[in-house]
Amino acid sequence: MEDICSLTFDNAKHLEGLNACLIFTLHLGAVERDYGSRLGADK
């Protein structure tokens, strides 16, 4: 995840890139939580 964040920041060099990284990270976290809860419910 750090690689994606640093790549985004290096390419953008402004707040928009950092925001995109943060949103992407939060989105992945939400997907993992949702997927994990579904897996737990299936078992």
PDB file of N, CA and C in Angstrom:
ATOM      1  N   MET A   1       0.830  -1.207   0.000  1.00  0.00           N
ATOM      2  CA  MET A   1       0.000   0.000   0.000  1.00  0.00           C
ATOM      3  C   MET A   1       0.861   1.253   0.000  1.00  0.00           C
ATOM      4  N   GLU A   2       2.000   1.194   0.688  1.00  0.00           N
ATOM      5  CA  GLU A   2       2.881   2.368   0.741  1.00  0.00           C
ATOM      6  C   GLU A   2       3.376   2.733  -0.653  1.00  0.00           C
ATOM      7  N   ASP A   3       3.604   1.718  -1.477  1.00  0.00           N
ATOM      8  CA  ASP A   3       4.110   1.971  -2.826  1.00  0.00           C
ATOM      9  C   ASP A   3       3.102   2.766  -3.647  1.00  0.00           C
ATOM     10  N   ILE A   4       1.827   2.396  -3.550  1.00  0.00           N
ATOM     11  CA  ILE A   4       0.779   3.097  -4.291  1.00  0.00           C
ATOM     12  C   ILE A   4       0.689   4.542  -3.820  1.00  0.00           C
ATOM     13  N   CYS A   5       0.753   4.739  -2.520  1.00  0.00           N
ATOM     14  CA  CYS A   5       0.654   6.085  -1.958  1.00  0.00           C
ATOM     15  C   CYS A   5       1.813   6.954  -2.423  1.00  0.00           C
ATOM     16  N   SER A   6       3.026   6.444  -2.332  1.00  0.00           N
ATOM     17  CA  SER A   6       4.198   7.237  -2.705  1.00  0.00           C
ATOM     18  C   SER A   6       4.207   7.501  -4.206  1.00  0.00           C
ATOM     19  N   LEU A   7       3.789   6.529  -4.997  1.00  0.00           N
ATOM     20  CA  LEU A   7       3.719   6.726  -6.445  1.00  0.00           C
ATOM     21  C   LEU A   7       2.728   7.832  -6.781  1.00  0.00           C
ATOM     22  N   THR A   8       1.555   7.775  -6.172  1.00  0.00           N
ATOM     23  CA  THR A   8       0.528   8.786  -6.416  1.00  0.00           C
ATOM     24  C   THR A   8       1.041  10.157  -6.030  1.00  0.00           C
ATOM     25  N   PHE A   9       1.680  10.252  -4.876  1.00  0.00           N
ATOM     26  CA  PHE A   9       2.168  11.540  -4.382  1.00  0.00           C
ATOM     27  C   PHE A   9       3.298  12.065  -5.259  1.00  0.00           C
ATOM     28  N   ASP A  10       4.202  11.193  -5.658  1.00  0.00           N
ATOM     29  CA  ASP A  10       5.329  11.610  -6.500  1.00  0.00           C
ATOM     30  C   ASP A  10       4.845  12.122  -7.849  1.00  0.00           C
ATOM     31  N   ASN A  11       3.858  11.468  -8.419  1.00  0.00           N
ATOM     32  CA  ASN A  11       3.358  11.864  -9.734  1.00  0.00           C
ATOM     33  C   ASN A  11       2.537  13.145  -9.658  1.00  0.00           C
ATOM     34  N   ALA A  12       1.770  13.313  -8.602  1.00  0.00           N
ATOM     35  CA  ALA A  12       0.858  14.449  -8.500  1.00  0.00           C
ATOM     36  C   ALA A  12       1.555  15.677  -7.940  1.00  0.00           C
ATOM     37  N   LYS A  13       2.342  15.484  -6.870  1.00  0.00           N
ATOM     38  CA  LYS A  13       3.043  16.591  -6.211  1.00  0.00           C
ATOM     39  C   LYS A  13       2.065  17.637  -5.690  1.00  0.00           C
ATOM     40  N   HIS A  14       0.850  17.245  -5.401  1.00  0.00           N
ATOM     41  CA  HIS A  14      -0.101  18.165  -4.782  1.00  0.00           C
ATOM     42  C   HIS A  14      -1.145  17.391  -3.977  1.00  0.00           C
ATOM     43  N   LEU A  15      -2.022  18.116  -3.320  1.00  0.00           N
ATOM     44  CA  LEU A  15      -2.955  17.520  -2.367  1.00  0.00           C
ATOM     45  C   LEU A  15      -3.911  16.537  -3.033  1.00  0.00           C
ATOM     46  N   GLU A  16      -4.234  16.772  -4.283  1.00  0.00           N
ATOM     47  CA  GLU A  16      -5.188  15.907  -4.977  1.00  0.00           C
ATOM     48  C   GLU A  16      -4.687  14.468  -5.036  1.00  0.00           C
ATOM     49  N   GLY A  17      -3.402  14.313  -5.311  1.00  0.00           N
ATOM     50  CA  GLY A  17      -2.830  12.976  -5.359  1.00  0.00           C
ATOM     51  C   GLY A  17      -2.882  12.295  -4.003  1.00  0.00           C
ATOM     52  N   LEU A  18      -2.614  13.068  -2.953  1.00  0.00           N
ATOM     53  CA  LEU A  18      -2.638  12.516  -1.607  1.00  0.00           C
ATOM     54  C   LEU A  18      -4.059  12.121  -1.221  1.00  0.00           C
ATOM     55  N   ASN A  19      -5.032  12.935  -1.607  1.00  0.00           N
ATOM     56  CA  ASN A  19      -6.432  12.619  -1.337  1.00  0.00           C
ATOM     57  C   ASN A  19      -6.847  11.347  -2.063  1.00  0.00           C
ATOM     58  N   ALA A  20      -6.415  11.209  -3.307  1.00  0.00           N
ATOM     59  CA  ALA A  20      -6.750  10.018  -4.088  1.00  0.00           C
ATOM     60  C   ALA A  20      -6.188   8.778  -3.406  1.00  0.00           C
ATOM     61  N   CYS A  21      -4.972   8.893  -2.891  1.00  0.00           N
ATOM     62  CA  CYS A  21      -4.335   7.774  -2.196  1.00  0.00           C
ATOM     63  C   CYS A  21      -5.128   7.412  -0.949  1.00  0.00           C
ATOM     64  N   LEU A  22      -5.528   8.431  -0.192  1.00  0.00           N
ATOM     65  CA  LEU A  22      -6.264   8.198   1.043  1.00  0.00           C
ATOM     66  C   LEU A  22      -7.608   7.544   0.753  1.00  0.00           C
ATOM     67  N   ILE A  23      -8.315   8.056  -0.242  1.00  0.00           N
ATOM     68  CA  ILE A  23      -9.619   7.502  -0.606  1.00  0.00           C
ATOM     69  C   ILE A  23      -9.465   6.051  -1.059  1.00  0.00           C
ATOM     70  N   PHE A  24      -8.425   5.793  -1.864  1.00  0.00           N
ATOM     71  CA  PHE A  24      -8.178   4.436  -2.357  1.00  0.00           C
ATOM     72  C   PHE A  24      -7.904   3.485  -1.203  1.00  0.00           C
ATOM     73  N   THR A  25      -7.099   3.946  -0.251  1.00  0.00           N
ATOM     74  CA  THR A  25      -6.753   3.127   0.909  1.00  0.00           C
ATOM     75  C   THR A  25      -7.992   2.841   1.749  1.00  0.00           C
ATOM     76  N   LEU A  26      -8.813   3.867   1.987  1.00  0.00           N
ATOM     77  CA  LEU A  26     -10.025   3.692   2.782  1.00  0.00           C
ATOM     78  C   LEU A  26     -10.989   2.750   2.068  1.00  0.00           C
ATOM     79  N   HIS A  27     -11.075   2.877   0.747  1.00  0.00           N
ATOM     80  CA  HIS A  27     -11.967   2.024  -0.029  1.00  0.00           C
ATOM     81  C   HIS A  27     -11.536   0.566   0.084  1.00  0.00           C
ATOM     82  N   LEU A  28     -10.235   0.311  -0.046  1.00  0.00           N
ATOM     83  CA  LEU A  28      -9.728  -1.055   0.078  1.00  0.00           C
ATOM     84  C   LEU A  28     -10.028  -1.609   1.466  1.00  0.00           C
ATOM     85  N   GLY A  29      -9.858  -0.781   2.494  1.00  0.00           N
ATOM     86  CA  GLY A  29     -10.133  -1.212   3.859  1.00  0.00           C
ATOM     87  C   GLY A  29     -11.591  -1.599   4.029  1.00  0.00           C
ATOM     88  N   ALA A  30     -12.484  -0.810   3.432  1.00  0.00           N
ATOM     89  CA  ALA A  30     -13.915  -1.084   3.537  1.00  0.00           C
ATOM     90  C   ALA A  30     -14.257  -2.380   2.817  1.00  0.00           C
ATOM     91  N   VAL A  31     -13.650  -2.601   1.664  1.00  0.00           N
ATOM     92  CA  VAL A  31     -13.899  -3.829   0.905  1.00  0.00           C
ATOM     93  C   VAL A  31     -13.423  -5.039   1.698  1.00  0.00           C
ATOM     94  N   GLU A  32     -12.253  -4.927   2.308  1.00  0.00           N
ATOM     95  CA  GLU A  32     -11.714  -6.039   3.093  1.00  0.00           C
ATOM     96  C   GLU A  32     -12.614  -6.345   4.285  1.00  0.00           C
ATOM     97  N   ARG A  33     -13.122  -5.305   4.954  1.00  0.00           N
ATOM     98  CA  ARG A  33     -14.017  -5.517   6.098  1.00  0.00           C
ATOM     99  C   ARG A  33     -15.299  -6.200   5.634  1.00  0.00           C
ATOM    100  N   ASP A  34     -15.857  -5.727   4.522  1.00  0.00           N
ATOM    101  CA  ASP A  34     -17.104  -6.287   4.010  1.00  0.00           C
ATOM    102  C   ASP A  34     -16.898  -7.744   3.600  1.00  0.00           C
ATOM    103  N   TYR A  35     -15.821  -8.013   2.892  1.00  0.00           N
ATOM    104  CA  TYR A  35     -15.521  -9.366   2.428  1.00  0.00           C
ATOM    105  C   TYR A  35     -15.276 -10.294   3.614  1.00  0.00           C
ATOM    106  N   GLY A  36     -14.552  -9.789   4.610  1.00  0.00           N
ATOM    107  CA  GLY A  36     -14.255 -10.592   5.785  1.00  0.00           C
ATOM    108  C   GLY A  36     -15.516 -10.957   6.555  1.00  0.00           C
ATOM    109  N   SER A  37     -16.441 -10.006   6.677  1.00  0.00           N
ATOM    110  CA  SER A  37     -17.671 -10.279   7.415  1.00  0.00           C
ATOM    111  C   SER A  37     -18.531 -11.282   6.652  1.00  0.00           C
ATOM    112  N   ARG A  38     -18.511 -11.203   5.333  1.00  0.00           N
ATOM    113  CA  ARG A  38     -19.270 -12.170   4.531  1.00  0.00           C
ATOM    114  C   ARG A  38     -18.678 -13.565   4.674  1.00  0.00           C
ATOM    115  N   LEU A  39     -17.354 -13.648   4.661  1.00  0.00           N
ATOM    116  CA  LEU A  39     -16.693 -14.945   4.833  1.00  0.00           C
ATOM    117  C   LEU A  39     -17.063 -15.540   6.185  1.00  0.00           C
ATOM    118  N   GLY A  40     -17.049 -14.704   7.219  1.00  0.00           N
ATOM    119  CA  GLY A  40     -17.380 -15.172   8.557  1.00  0.00           C
ATOM    120  C   GLY A  40     -18.819 -15.659   8.629  1.00  0.00           C
ATOM    121  N   ALA A  41     -19.720 -14.976   7.913  1.00  0.00           N
ATOM    122  CA  ALA A  41     -21.129 -15.348   7.941  1.00  0.00           C
ATOM    123  C   ALA A  41     -21.355 -16.662   7.190  1.00  0.00           C
ATOM    124  N   ASP A  42     -20.564 -16.880   6.142  1.00  0.00           N
ATOM    125  CA  ASP A  42     -20.725 -18.096   5.339  1.00  0.00           C
ATOM    126  C   ASP A  42     -20.301 -19.340   6.110  1.00  0.00           C
ATOM    127  N   LYS A  43     -19.322 -19.188   6.980  1.00  0.00           N
ATOM    128  CA  LYS A  43     -18.772 -20.354   7.678  1.00  0.00           C
ATOM    129  C   LYS A  43     -19.664 -20.874   8.754  1.00  0.00           C
TER     130      LYS A  43
END
